[in-house]
Amino acid sequence: TGGHTTEILRLLSCLSESYSPRHYVLADSDKMSEAKIRSFEQKRAETFSESQFSLDRIPRSREVRQSWMSSVVTTLYSVLYSLPLTYKRKPDLILCNGPGTCVPVCLSAFLLGLLRIKRTIIVYVESICRVETLSLSGKILYYFSDYFIVQWPDLKKKYPKSVYLGRIV
């Protein structure tokens, strides 16, 4: 909600229309992001008349200040909820940037790849506000993403698999 949505929409604004249709996945309790996405897509439709997108909701994997033990349970529930959605959409690419909602979607896509149902490229962009350490989502998806992009050189030094491109949002 808020900052992550703004960052991902900035990234999407640089992509061509060949990245279509776009499927957005939101936490079921996220009310703010839907309005931002719809506004972004409405403006995009002025340039790209064939613009297509959809919104899907999944249970939030972790609430702010939620205990670690209960987070494991709610994240597993979100992964199970995400599996049919990921199977239905069969994305070629997942572009995500840090909210906990991306973890279940990426893990379910990774699982579909392991099962040889659909291979999805996972691109994770760590939030620009993460200067010295990774977010919890980043710490998890560092091992599952095909491309792990950081926006600060210190993170590149600590995480050698990462790709440093400078500030991209």
Protein backbone atom coordinates (compact mmCIF):
# COMPACT_ATOMS: atom_id res chain seq x y z
CA THR A 1 0.00 0.00 0.00
CA GLY A 2 1.26 3.44 -0.78
CA GLY A 3 5.02 3.50 -1.30
CA HIS A 4 5.44 0.08 -2.90
CA THR A 5 2.55 0.75 -5.27
CA THR A 6 4.01 4.10 -6.29
CA GLU A 7 7.41 2.49 -6.94
CA ILE A 8 6.02 -0.35 -9.05
CA LEU A 9 3.86 2.01 -11.10
CA ARG A 10 6.94 4.15 -11.82
CA LEU A 11 8.68 1.02 -13.09
CA LEU A 12 5.68 0.04 -15.19
CA SER A 13 5.47 3.47 -16.76
CA CYS A 14 8.81 2.73 -18.48
CA LEU A 15 7.62 -0.53 -20.04
CA SER A 16 6.26 -0.84 -23.54
CA GLU A 17 2.79 -2.09 -24.36
CA SER A 18 4.26 -5.49 -25.18
CA TYR A 19 4.03 -6.10 -21.42
CA SER A 20 0.32 -6.68 -21.67
CA PRO A 21 -1.99 -7.76 -20.27
CA ARG A 22 -0.85 -6.78 -16.79
CA HIS A 23 -2.24 -8.62 -13.78
CA TYR A 24 -1.95 -6.83 -10.48
CA VAL A 25 -2.12 -8.80 -7.24
CA LEU A 26 -3.18 -6.89 -4.14
CA ALA A 27 -3.65 -7.82 -0.51
CA ASP A 28 -7.35 -8.19 0.24
CA SER A 29 -7.08 -5.48 2.91
CA ASP A 30 -5.32 -2.97 0.60
CA LYS A 31 -7.82 -0.28 -0.35
CA MET A 32 -5.42 2.48 -1.42
CA SER A 33 -3.50 0.68 -4.17
CA GLU A 34 -6.50 -0.21 -6.30
CA ALA A 35 -7.33 3.46 -6.87
CA LYS A 36 -3.69 4.23 -7.77
CA ILE A 37 -3.57 1.33 -10.23
CA ARG A 38 -6.84 2.27 -11.90
CA SER A 39 -5.71 5.86 -12.29
CA PHE A 40 -2.35 4.72 -13.73
CA GLU A 41 -4.05 2.36 -16.18
CA GLN A 42 -6.58 5.01 -17.22
CA LYS A 43 -3.72 7.38 -18.12
CA ARG A 44 -1.87 4.54 -19.86
CA ALA A 45 -4.97 3.80 -21.98
CA GLU A 46 -4.74 7.33 -23.39
CA THR A 47 -1.39 6.36 -24.97
CA PHE A 48 -1.97 2.67 -25.55
CA SER A 49 -5.56 2.13 -26.69
CA GLU A 50 -5.32 -1.66 -26.42
CA SER A 51 -4.13 -1.54 -22.80
CA GLN A 52 -5.36 -4.52 -20.77
CA PHE A 53 -5.10 -5.18 -17.05
CA SER A 54 -6.80 -7.05 -14.24
CA LEU A 55 -6.79 -6.89 -10.46
CA ASP A 56 -6.72 -9.94 -8.21
CA ARG A 57 -6.75 -10.06 -4.43
CA ILE A 58 -5.16 -12.55 -2.07
CA PRO A 59 -5.06 -12.74 1.73
CA ARG A 60 -2.33 -10.57 3.22
CA SER A 61 0.63 -12.77 4.14
CA ARG A 62 1.79 -10.60 7.02
CA GLU A 63 0.31 -7.63 8.82
CA VAL A 64 2.48 -4.89 10.29
CA ARG A 65 3.71 -5.96 13.75
CA GLN A 66 2.40 -9.50 13.30
CA SER A 67 4.43 -12.10 15.19
CA TRP A 68 6.93 -14.21 13.24
CA MET A 69 5.26 -17.50 14.18
CA SER A 70 1.80 -16.46 13.05
CA SER A 71 3.34 -14.90 9.91
CA VAL A 72 4.51 -18.34 8.82
CA VAL A 73 0.93 -19.65 9.02
CA THR A 74 -0.64 -16.69 7.24
CA THR A 75 2.03 -16.74 4.53
CA LEU A 76 1.47 -20.46 3.90
CA TYR A 77 -2.26 -19.75 3.66
CA SER A 78 -1.55 -16.98 1.14
CA VAL A 79 0.68 -19.30 -0.90
CA LEU A 80 -2.11 -21.90 -1.05
CA TYR A 81 -4.55 -19.18 -2.06
CA SER A 82 -2.11 -17.91 -4.72
CA LEU A 83 -1.52 -21.28 -6.38
CA PRO A 84 -4.85 -21.43 -8.29
CA LEU A 85 -4.49 -17.77 -9.27
CA THR A 86 -0.95 -18.27 -10.57
CA TYR A 87 -2.00 -21.45 -12.35
CA LYS A 88 -4.93 -19.61 -13.97
CA ARG A 89 -2.88 -16.57 -15.07
CA LYS A 90 0.30 -18.51 -15.98
CA PRO A 91 2.42 -15.34 -16.09
CA ASP A 92 5.53 -15.14 -18.24
CA LEU A 93 7.03 -12.55 -15.90
CA ILE A 94 6.44 -11.42 -12.34
CA LEU A 95 7.78 -7.97 -11.53
CA CYS A 96 7.61 -7.17 -7.84
CA ASN A 97 9.16 -4.76 -5.41
CA GLY A 98 8.80 -5.78 -1.83
CA PRO A 99 5.40 -5.87 -0.21
CA GLY A 100 4.68 -9.14 1.60
CA THR A 101 1.95 -9.87 -0.94
CA CYS A 102 4.58 -10.63 -3.57
CA VAL A 103 6.13 -13.50 -1.61
CA PRO A 104 3.20 -15.96 -1.91
CA VAL A 105 2.71 -15.14 -5.60
CA CYS A 106 6.40 -15.64 -6.38
CA LEU A 107 6.61 -18.85 -4.35
CA SER A 108 3.55 -20.28 -6.09
CA ALA A 109 4.99 -19.37 -9.50
CA PHE A 110 8.32 -20.93 -8.49
CA LEU A 111 6.46 -24.10 -7.47
CA LEU A 112 4.64 -24.26 -10.81
CA GLY A 113 8.03 -24.05 -12.48
CA LEU A 114 9.39 -26.90 -10.35
CA LEU A 115 6.37 -28.98 -11.35
CA ARG A 116 7.07 -28.12 -15.02
CA ILE A 117 3.61 -26.61 -15.41
CA LYS A 118 4.77 -23.09 -16.29
CA ARG A 119 8.16 -21.41 -16.07
CA THR A 120 7.85 -17.81 -14.91
CA ILE A 121 10.67 -15.28 -14.79
CA ILE A 122 10.70 -13.56 -11.40
CA VAL A 123 12.21 -10.07 -11.23
CA TYR A 124 12.45 -8.59 -7.77
CA VAL A 125 13.33 -4.91 -7.34
CA GLU A 126 14.27 -4.03 -3.77
CA SER A 127 12.70 -0.79 -2.62
CA ILE A 128 14.83 2.33 -2.91
CA CYS A 129 14.41 2.91 0.82
CA ARG A 130 16.44 -0.27 1.54
CA VAL A 131 19.95 1.20 1.67
CA GLU A 132 21.91 -1.17 3.94
CA THR A 133 19.74 -4.24 4.51
CA LEU A 134 17.15 -6.16 2.54
CA SER A 135 13.48 -6.17 3.40
CA LEU A 136 12.02 -9.42 4.71
CA SER A 137 10.51 -10.06 1.27
CA GLY A 138 13.91 -9.41 -0.28
CA LYS A 139 15.64 -11.81 2.11
CA ILE A 140 13.20 -14.54 1.05
CA LEU A 141 13.01 -13.83 -2.68
CA TYR A 142 16.78 -13.39 -3.06
CA TYR A 143 16.88 -17.19 -3.36
CA PHE A 144 13.87 -17.61 -5.66
CA SER A 145 14.14 -14.72 -8.11
CA ASP A 146 15.76 -14.90 -11.52
CA TYR A 147 16.85 -11.28 -11.29
CA PHE A 148 17.30 -9.47 -8.00
CA ILE A 149 17.77 -5.73 -8.47
CA VAL A 150 19.09 -3.40 -5.79
CA GLN A 151 19.30 0.38 -5.97
CA TRP A 152 22.27 0.98 -3.67
CA PRO A 153 25.89 -0.17 -4.15
CA ASP A 154 26.27 -1.35 -0.52
CA LEU A 155 23.53 -3.93 -1.08
CA LYS A 156 25.30 -5.22 -4.19
CA LYS A 157 28.43 -5.77 -2.08
CA LYS A 158 26.48 -7.74 0.55
CA TYR A 159 24.38 -9.74 -1.93
CA PRO A 160 26.54 -10.84 -4.87
CA LYS A 161 23.67 -12.39 -6.87
CA SER A 162 22.00 -8.97 -7.01
CA VAL A 163 22.18 -6.57 -9.93
CA TYR A 164 22.93 -2.94 -9.17
CA LEU A 165 21.45 -0.53 -11.70
CA GLY A 166 21.52 2.64 -9.63
CA ARG A 167 18.28 4.34 -8.67
CA ILE A 168 15.59 3.18 -11.05
CA VAL A 169 12.51 4.58 -9.29
